[in-house]
Amino acid sequence: MKNKYNMTKEDNIFYAKRKLVDNIYKSAKLEGIDITFEDTVSFLNNINTGNISVEDMLKLKGLRDAWEYVLTSIDEDLTLDYIKKVHFEICKGSNVHPLGEFRDKGVGITGTNWRPKLPSECDYEKELASILKNDHELDRCLDLFCWLQRSQMFIDGNKRVANLIANKEMIKYGQGIIAIPVEKIGEYFTLLINYYETGENASLKEWLYQYAVDGLNE
């Protein structure tokens, strides 16, 4: 898998900021939030259209705050503590417990009978280190994106955490950004469920490479 983009970190940060509304909108739709792009723009400009529930507004605020945190900490090392901080930013204000900590009970996943292990049964440090050893920037970021979703480290917000963490590394290494196209969410979930059940991410990564990785080349 070759890199699609080779941007400077500075150019990638600028690009991510320009695409921020679009990314938040796509992340919201992936979460099942019934929102229009126009409503997203209004919300991020502190205009209440009356079309968004309080619960959904908290999720949008969490996404906005998490992006602000990530964009100001691009150069920080990727650690489990950093991942926990991003979860805190994403879910603060929501009724999510534990907040900024790994879940302490089992979770179910819509569309499959497969169940992820408890964090206490996993060695996330070892798994993360193994991913970060990959010298190929884009391949590493896509592995990270997939792994964080399948690990289900937190009681809620795992897809949002995966998006923010993977994009931090994408931006840091000039690889563009990852965002799931709204019109292809159904396709994405089909591949994601297959990955959950099999642990094989090749098909999912190929799809992400083709449809969800965006950037600019000079």
C-alpha atoms as a PDB file:
ATOM      1  CA  MET A   1       0.000   0.000   0.000  1.00  0.00           C
ATOM      2  CA  LYS A   2       1.664   3.213  -1.141  1.00  0.00           C
ATOM      3  CA  ASN A   3       0.993   6.593   0.422  1.00  0.00           C
ATOM      4  CA  LYS A   4      -1.718   8.583  -1.370  1.00  0.00           C
ATOM      5  CA  TYR A   5      -0.436  11.963  -0.189  1.00  0.00           C
ATOM      6  CA  ASN A   6       2.864  13.382   0.976  1.00  0.00           C
ATOM      7  CA  MET A   7       2.005  16.701   2.564  1.00  0.00           C
ATOM      8  CA  THR A   8       4.082  18.663   5.021  1.00  0.00           C
ATOM      9  CA  LYS A   9       2.771  18.556   8.557  1.00  0.00           C
ATOM     10  CA  GLU A  10       1.986  22.276   8.380  1.00  0.00           C
ATOM     11  CA  ASP A  11       0.051  21.900   5.123  1.00  0.00           C
ATOM     12  CA  ASN A  12      -1.810  18.908   6.528  1.00  0.00           C
ATOM     13  CA  ILE A  13      -2.815  20.845   9.641  1.00  0.00           C
ATOM     14  CA  PHE A  14      -4.089  23.678   7.439  1.00  0.00           C
ATOM     15  CA  TYR A  15      -5.990  21.196   5.269  1.00  0.00           C
ATOM     16  CA  ALA A  16      -7.538  19.486   8.312  1.00  0.00           C
ATOM     17  CA  LYS A  17      -8.716  22.843   9.660  1.00  0.00           C
ATOM     18  CA  ARG A  18     -10.329  23.675   6.317  1.00  0.00           C
ATOM     19  CA  LYS A  19     -12.102  20.284   6.312  1.00  0.00           C
ATOM     20  CA  LEU A  20     -13.036  20.377   9.994  1.00  0.00           C
ATOM     21  CA  VAL A  21     -16.760  21.038   9.542  1.00  0.00           C
ATOM     22  CA  ASP A  22     -16.961  18.314   6.910  1.00  0.00           C
ATOM     23  CA  ASN A  23     -15.180  15.811   9.147  1.00  0.00           C
ATOM     24  CA  ILE A  24     -17.370  16.583  12.157  1.00  0.00           C
ATOM     25  CA  TYR A  25     -20.488  16.288   9.990  1.00  0.00           C
ATOM     26  CA  LYS A  26     -19.362  12.906   8.630  1.00  0.00           C
ATOM     27  CA  SER A  27     -18.435  11.661  12.117  1.00  0.00           C
ATOM     28  CA  ALA A  28     -21.848  12.735  13.386  1.00  0.00           C
ATOM     29  CA  LYS A  29     -23.644  10.883  10.594  1.00  0.00           C
ATOM     30  CA  LEU A  30     -21.527   7.805  11.328  1.00  0.00           C
ATOM     31  CA  GLU A  31     -22.831   7.992  14.908  1.00  0.00           C
ATOM     32  CA  GLY A  32     -26.401   8.041  13.624  1.00  0.00           C
ATOM     33  CA  ILE A  33     -26.980  11.691  14.463  1.00  0.00           C
ATOM     34  CA  ASP A  34     -29.775  13.080  12.275  1.00  0.00           C
ATOM     35  CA  ILE A  35     -28.158  16.336  11.207  1.00  0.00           C
ATOM     36  CA  THR A  36     -27.652  18.295   8.009  1.00  0.00           C
ATOM     37  CA  PHE A  37     -24.382  19.843   6.898  1.00  0.00           C
ATOM     38  CA  GLU A  38     -26.001  23.258   7.264  1.00  0.00           C
ATOM     39  CA  ASP A  39     -26.992  22.501  10.869  1.00  0.00           C
ATOM     40  CA  THR A  40     -23.401  21.414  11.562  1.00  0.00           C
ATOM     41  CA  VAL A  41     -22.062  24.689  10.192  1.00  0.00           C
ATOM     42  CA  SER A  42     -24.554  26.648  12.303  1.00  0.00           C
ATOM     43  CA  PHE A  43     -23.725  24.725  15.466  1.00  0.00           C
ATOM     44  CA  LEU A  44     -19.978  25.242  15.043  1.00  0.00           C
ATOM     45  CA  ASN A  45     -20.691  28.948  14.626  1.00  0.00           C
ATOM     46  CA  ASN A  46     -22.642  28.918  17.919  1.00  0.00           C
ATOM     47  CA  ILE A  47     -26.010  29.271  16.206  1.00  0.00           C
ATOM     48  CA  ASN A  48     -28.815  27.076  17.546  1.00  0.00           C
ATOM     49  CA  THR A  49     -31.159  26.151  14.721  1.00  0.00           C
ATOM     50  CA  GLY A  50     -33.429  24.194  17.042  1.00  0.00           C
ATOM     51  CA  ASN A  51     -32.967  21.105  14.891  1.00  0.00           C
ATOM     52  CA  ILE A  52     -30.450  19.323  17.119  1.00  0.00           C
ATOM     53  CA  SER A  53     -31.272  17.540  20.385  1.00  0.00           C
ATOM     54  CA  VAL A  54     -29.353  18.376  23.552  1.00  0.00           C
ATOM     55  CA  GLU A  55     -27.740  14.929  23.529  1.00  0.00           C
ATOM     56  CA  ASP A  56     -26.559  15.355  19.956  1.00  0.00           C
ATOM     57  CA  MET A  57     -25.291  18.863  20.662  1.00  0.00           C
ATOM     58  CA  LEU A  58     -23.106  17.426  23.414  1.00  0.00           C
ATOM     59  CA  LYS A  59     -21.671  14.907  20.950  1.00  0.00           C
ATOM     60  CA  LEU A  60     -20.949  17.645  18.431  1.00  0.00           C
ATOM     61  CA  LYS A  61     -19.336  19.785  21.098  1.00  0.00           C
ATOM     62  CA  GLY A  62     -17.199  16.817  22.130  1.00  0.00           C
ATOM     63  CA  LEU A  63     -16.051  16.292  18.544  1.00  0.00           C
ATOM     64  CA  ARG A  64     -15.213  19.977  18.180  1.00  0.00           C
ATOM     65  CA  ASP A  65     -13.287  20.083  21.464  1.00  0.00           C
ATOM     66  CA  ALA A  66     -11.442  16.854  20.689  1.00  0.00           C
ATOM     67  CA  TRP A  67     -10.370  18.179  17.294  1.00  0.00           C
ATOM     68  CA  GLU A  68      -9.104  21.355  18.934  1.00  0.00           C
ATOM     69  CA  TYR A  69      -7.129  19.268  21.403  1.00  0.00           C
ATOM     70  CA  VAL A  70      -5.648  17.043  18.695  1.00  0.00           C
ATOM     71  CA  LEU A  71      -4.708  19.933  16.405  1.00  0.00           C
ATOM     72  CA  THR A  72      -2.786  21.588  19.243  1.00  0.00           C
ATOM     73  CA  SER A  73      -1.005  18.378  20.268  1.00  0.00           C
ATOM     74  CA  ILE A  74      -0.064  16.821  16.921  1.00  0.00           C
ATOM     75  CA  ASP A  75       3.556  16.319  17.983  1.00  0.00           C
ATOM     76  CA  GLU A  76       2.766  14.505  21.233  1.00  0.00           C
ATOM     77  CA  ASP A  77       3.719  10.829  21.359  1.00  0.00           C
ATOM     78  CA  LEU A  78       0.834   8.446  20.837  1.00  0.00           C
ATOM     79  CA  THR A  79       0.305   6.594  24.102  1.00  0.00           C
ATOM     80  CA  LEU A  80      -2.615   4.983  25.884  1.00  0.00           C
ATOM     81  CA  ASP A  81      -2.808   8.031  28.144  1.00  0.00           C
ATOM     82  CA  TYR A  82      -3.132  10.270  25.090  1.00  0.00           C
ATOM     83  CA  ILE A  83      -5.924   8.050  23.751  1.00  0.00           C
ATOM     84  CA  LYS A  84      -7.700   8.359  27.121  1.00  0.00           C
ATOM     85  CA  LYS A  85      -7.397  12.166  26.974  1.00  0.00           C
ATOM     86  CA  VAL A  86      -9.056  12.208  23.566  1.00  0.00           C
ATOM     87  CA  HIS A  87     -11.896  10.051  24.908  1.00  0.00           C
ATOM     88  CA  PHE A  88     -12.337  12.505  27.771  1.00  0.00           C
ATOM     89  CA  GLU A  89     -12.634  15.423  25.340  1.00  0.00           C
ATOM     90  CA  ILE A  90     -15.065  13.556  23.097  1.00  0.00           C
ATOM     91  CA  CYS A  91     -17.427  12.374  25.826  1.00  0.00           C
ATOM     92  CA  LYS A  92     -17.204  15.045  28.535  1.00  0.00           C
ATOM     93  CA  GLY A  93     -20.626  16.436  29.322  1.00  0.00           C
ATOM     94  CA  SER A  94     -22.283  13.202  28.216  1.00  0.00           C
ATOM     95  CA  ASN A  95     -23.556  10.490  30.526  1.00  0.00           C
ATOM     96  CA  VAL A  96     -20.523   8.249  29.903  1.00  0.00           C
ATOM     97  CA  HIS A  97     -18.839   6.391  32.749  1.00  0.00           C
ATOM     98  CA  PRO A  98     -16.001   5.784  33.169  1.00  0.00           C
ATOM     99  CA  LEU A  99     -14.937   8.941  31.335  1.00  0.00           C
ATOM    100  CA  GLY A 100     -11.405   9.016  29.958  1.00  0.00           C
ATOM    101  CA  GLU A 101     -10.775   5.491  31.260  1.00  0.00           C
ATOM    102  CA  PHE A 102     -11.119   2.011  29.814  1.00  0.00           C
ATOM    103  CA  ARG A 103     -14.477   0.338  30.248  1.00  0.00           C
ATOM    104  CA  ASP A 104     -14.934  -2.092  33.123  1.00  0.00           C
ATOM    105  CA  LYS A 105     -17.813  -4.108  31.696  1.00  0.00           C
ATOM    106  CA  GLY A 106     -18.828  -5.874  28.507  1.00  0.00           C
ATOM    107  CA  VAL A 107     -20.432  -4.176  25.514  1.00  0.00           C
ATOM    108  CA  GLY A 108     -22.635  -5.348  22.674  1.00  0.00           C
ATOM    109  CA  ILE A 109     -22.277  -4.242  19.066  1.00  0.00           C
ATOM    110  CA  THR A 110     -25.194  -3.687  16.727  1.00  0.00           C
ATOM    111  CA  GLY A 111     -25.238  -6.078  13.780  1.00  0.00           C
ATOM    112  CA  THR A 112     -23.155  -8.893  15.242  1.00  0.00           C
ATOM    113  CA  ASN A 113     -23.052 -11.395  18.088  1.00  0.00           C
ATOM    114  CA  TRP A 114     -19.280 -10.933  18.346  1.00  0.00           C
ATOM    115  CA  ARG A 115     -18.128  -9.438  21.639  1.00  0.00           C
ATOM    116  CA  PRO A 116     -14.810  -7.686  22.293  1.00  0.00           C
ATOM    117  CA  LYS A 117     -12.672  -8.722  25.222  1.00  0.00           C
ATOM    118  CA  LEU A 118     -12.601  -6.673  28.374  1.00  0.00           C
ATOM    119  CA  PRO A 119      -9.681  -4.223  28.491  1.00  0.00           C
ATOM    120  CA  SER A 120      -8.422  -6.084  31.561  1.00  0.00           C
ATOM    121  CA  GLU A 121      -8.006  -9.153  29.343  1.00  0.00           C
ATOM    122  CA  CYS A 122      -5.966  -7.259  26.725  1.00  0.00           C
ATOM    123  CA  ASP A 123      -2.423  -5.956  26.447  1.00  0.00           C
ATOM    124  CA  TYR A 124      -3.079  -2.642  24.701  1.00  0.00           C
ATOM    125  CA  GLU A 125       0.477  -1.446  25.309  1.00  0.00           C
ATOM    126  CA  LYS A 126       1.883  -4.369  23.344  1.00  0.00           C
ATOM    127  CA  GLU A 127      -0.734  -4.104  20.600  1.00  0.00           C
ATOM    128  CA  LEU A 128      -0.157  -0.374  20.151  1.00  0.00           C
ATOM    129  CA  ALA A 129       3.607  -0.806  20.103  1.00  0.00           C
ATOM    130  CA  SER A 130       3.271  -3.477  17.418  1.00  0.00           C
ATOM    131  CA  ILE A 131       1.236  -1.140  15.197  1.00  0.00           C
ATOM    132  CA  LEU A 132       3.617   1.773  15.701  1.00  0.00           C
ATOM    133  CA  LYS A 133       6.573  -0.353  14.564  1.00  0.00           C
ATOM    134  CA  ASN A 134       5.211  -0.276  11.007  1.00  0.00           C
ATOM    135  CA  ASP A 135       7.418   2.139   9.018  1.00  0.00           C
ATOM    136  CA  HIS A 136       4.782   2.732   6.324  1.00  0.00           C
ATOM    137  CA  GLU A 137       2.898   5.841   7.444  1.00  0.00           C
ATOM    138  CA  LEU A 138      -0.493   5.358   5.792  1.00  0.00           C
ATOM    139  CA  ASP A 139      -0.638   1.623   6.415  1.00  0.00           C
ATOM    140  CA  ARG A 140       0.176   2.263  10.075  1.00  0.00           C
ATOM    141  CA  CYS A 141      -2.559   4.901  10.408  1.00  0.00           C
ATOM    142  CA  LEU A 142      -5.174   2.642   8.829  1.00  0.00           C
ATOM    143  CA  ASP A 143      -4.159  -0.236  11.107  1.00  0.00           C
ATOM    144  CA  LEU A 144      -4.507   2.128  14.046  1.00  0.00           C
ATOM    145  CA  PHE A 145      -7.945   3.279  12.889  1.00  0.00           C
ATOM    146  CA  CYS A 146      -9.166  -0.313  12.538  1.00  0.00           C
ATOM    147  CA  TRP A 147      -7.616  -1.564  15.777  1.00  0.00           C
ATOM    148  CA  LEU A 148      -9.084   1.195  17.926  1.00  0.00           C
ATOM    149  CA  GLN A 149     -12.578   0.438  16.664  1.00  0.00           C
ATOM    150  CA  ARG A 150     -12.317  -3.311  17.177  1.00  0.00           C
ATOM    151  CA  SER A 151     -10.716  -2.993  20.614  1.00  0.00           C
ATOM    152  CA  GLN A 152     -13.760  -1.112  21.948  1.00  0.00           C
ATOM    153  CA  MET A 153     -11.629   0.278  24.773  1.00  0.00           C
ATOM    154  CA  PHE A 154     -14.351   2.571  26.056  1.00  0.00           C
ATOM    155  CA  ILE A 155     -17.983   2.184  27.044  1.00  0.00           C
ATOM    156  CA  ASP A 156     -18.956   4.662  24.304  1.00  0.00           C
ATOM    157  CA  GLY A 157     -17.326   6.856  21.654  1.00  0.00           C
ATOM    158  CA  ASN A 158     -14.951   4.270  20.184  1.00  0.00           C
ATOM    159  CA  LYS A 159     -15.493   5.199  16.517  1.00  0.00           C
ATOM    160  CA  ARG A 160     -14.992   8.867  17.342  1.00  0.00           C
ATOM    161  CA  VAL A 161     -11.822   8.096  19.285  1.00  0.00           C
ATOM    162  CA  ALA A 162     -10.520   5.986  16.398  1.00  0.00           C
ATOM    163  CA  ASN A 163     -11.191   8.821  13.964  1.00  0.00           C
ATOM    164  CA  LEU A 164      -9.424  11.446  16.060  1.00  0.00           C
ATOM    165  CA  ILE A 165      -6.422   9.306  16.999  1.00  0.00           C
ATOM    166  CA  ALA A 166      -5.853   8.009  13.473  1.00  0.00           C
ATOM    167  CA  ASN A 167      -6.197  11.528  12.076  1.00  0.00           C
ATOM    168  CA  LYS A 168      -3.677  12.870  14.575  1.00  0.00           C
ATOM    169  CA  GLU A 169      -1.119  10.456  13.144  1.00  0.00           C
ATOM    170  CA  MET A 170      -2.285  11.053   9.547  1.00  0.00           C
ATOM    171  CA  ILE A 171      -1.726  14.784   9.966  1.00  0.00           C
ATOM    172  CA  LYS A 172       1.570  14.395  11.822  1.00  0.00           C
ATOM    173  CA  TYR A 173       3.025  12.404   8.935  1.00  0.00           C
ATOM    174  CA  GLY A 174       1.400  14.313   6.073  1.00  0.00           C
ATOM    175  CA  GLN A 175      -0.978  11.568   4.953  1.00  0.00           C
ATOM    176  CA  GLY A 176      -4.157  13.645   4.669  1.00  0.00           C
ATOM    177  CA  ILE A 177      -7.234  12.796   6.734  1.00  0.00           C
ATOM    178  CA  ILE A 178      -9.653   9.896   7.164  1.00  0.00           C
ATOM    179  CA  ALA A 179     -13.393  10.564   6.875  1.00  0.00           C
ATOM    180  CA  ILE A 180     -16.132   8.082   5.959  1.00  0.00           C
ATOM    181  CA  PRO A 181     -18.318   9.436   3.094  1.00  0.00           C
ATOM    182  CA  VAL A 182     -21.919   9.770   4.248  1.00  0.00           C
ATOM    183  CA  GLU A 183     -23.295   8.060   1.143  1.00  0.00           C
ATOM    184  CA  LYS A 184     -21.098   5.013   1.807  1.00  0.00           C
ATOM    185  CA  ILE A 185     -21.775   4.478   5.520  1.00  0.00           C
ATOM    186  CA  GLY A 186     -23.732   1.291   4.788  1.00  0.00           C
ATOM    187  CA  GLU A 187     -20.830  -0.222   2.840  1.00  0.00           C
ATOM    188  CA  TYR A 188     -18.445   0.786   5.586  1.00  0.00           C
ATOM    189  CA  PHE A 189     -20.449  -0.855   8.350  1.00  0.00           C
ATOM    190  CA  THR A 190     -20.707  -4.106   6.372  1.00  0.00           C
ATOM    191  CA  LEU A 191     -16.903  -4.264   6.103  1.00  0.00           C
ATOM    192  CA  LEU A 192     -16.452  -3.162   9.712  1.00  0.00           C
ATOM    193  CA  ILE A 193     -18.703  -5.937  11.029  1.00  0.00           C
ATOM    194  CA  ASN A 194     -16.780  -8.483   8.953  1.00  0.00           C
ATOM    195  CA  TYR A 195     -13.547  -7.165  10.459  1.00  0.00           C
ATOM    196  CA  TYR A 196     -14.991  -7.381  13.977  1.00  0.00           C
ATOM    197  CA  GLU A 197     -15.953 -11.010  13.439  1.00  0.00           C
ATOM    198  CA  THR A 198     -12.823 -12.202  11.618  1.00  0.00           C
ATOM    199  CA  GLY A 199     -10.046  -9.954  12.897  1.00  0.00           C
ATOM    200  CA  GLU A 200      -8.866  -9.575   9.274  1.00  0.00           C
ATOM    201  CA  ASN A 201      -8.676  -5.937   8.215  1.00  0.00           C
ATOM    202  CA  ALA A 202      -7.295  -6.158   4.655  1.00  0.00           C
ATOM    203  CA  SER A 203     -10.626  -5.583   2.894  1.00  0.00           C
ATOM    204  CA  LEU A 204     -11.566  -2.771   5.266  1.00  0.00           C
ATOM    205  CA  LYS A 205      -8.208  -1.041   4.767  1.00  0.00           C
ATOM    206  CA  GLU A 206      -8.478  -1.337   0.990  1.00  0.00           C
ATOM    207  CA  TRP A 207     -11.927   0.259   1.126  1.00  0.00           C
ATOM    208  CA  LEU A 208     -10.687   3.048   3.417  1.00  0.00           C
ATOM    209  CA  TYR A 209      -7.760   3.684   1.078  1.00  0.00           C
ATOM    210  CA  GLN A 210     -10.078   4.039  -1.894  1.00  0.00           C
ATOM    211  CA  TYR A 211     -12.965   5.987  -0.384  1.00  0.00           C
ATOM    212  CA  ALA A 212     -12.058   7.543   2.971  1.00  0.00           C
ATOM    213  CA  VAL A 213      -8.515   8.920   2.687  1.00  0.00           C
ATOM    214  CA  ASP A 214      -8.500  12.509   1.460  1.00  0.00           C
ATOM    215  CA  GLY A 215      -5.770  15.066   1.009  1.00  0.00           C
ATOM    216  CA  LEU A 216      -3.832  17.214  -1.448  1.00  0.00           C
ATOM    217  CA  ASN A 217      -0.748  16.682  -3.555  1.00  0.00           C
ATOM    218  CA  GLU A 218       1.067  19.617  -5.112  1.00  0.00           C
END
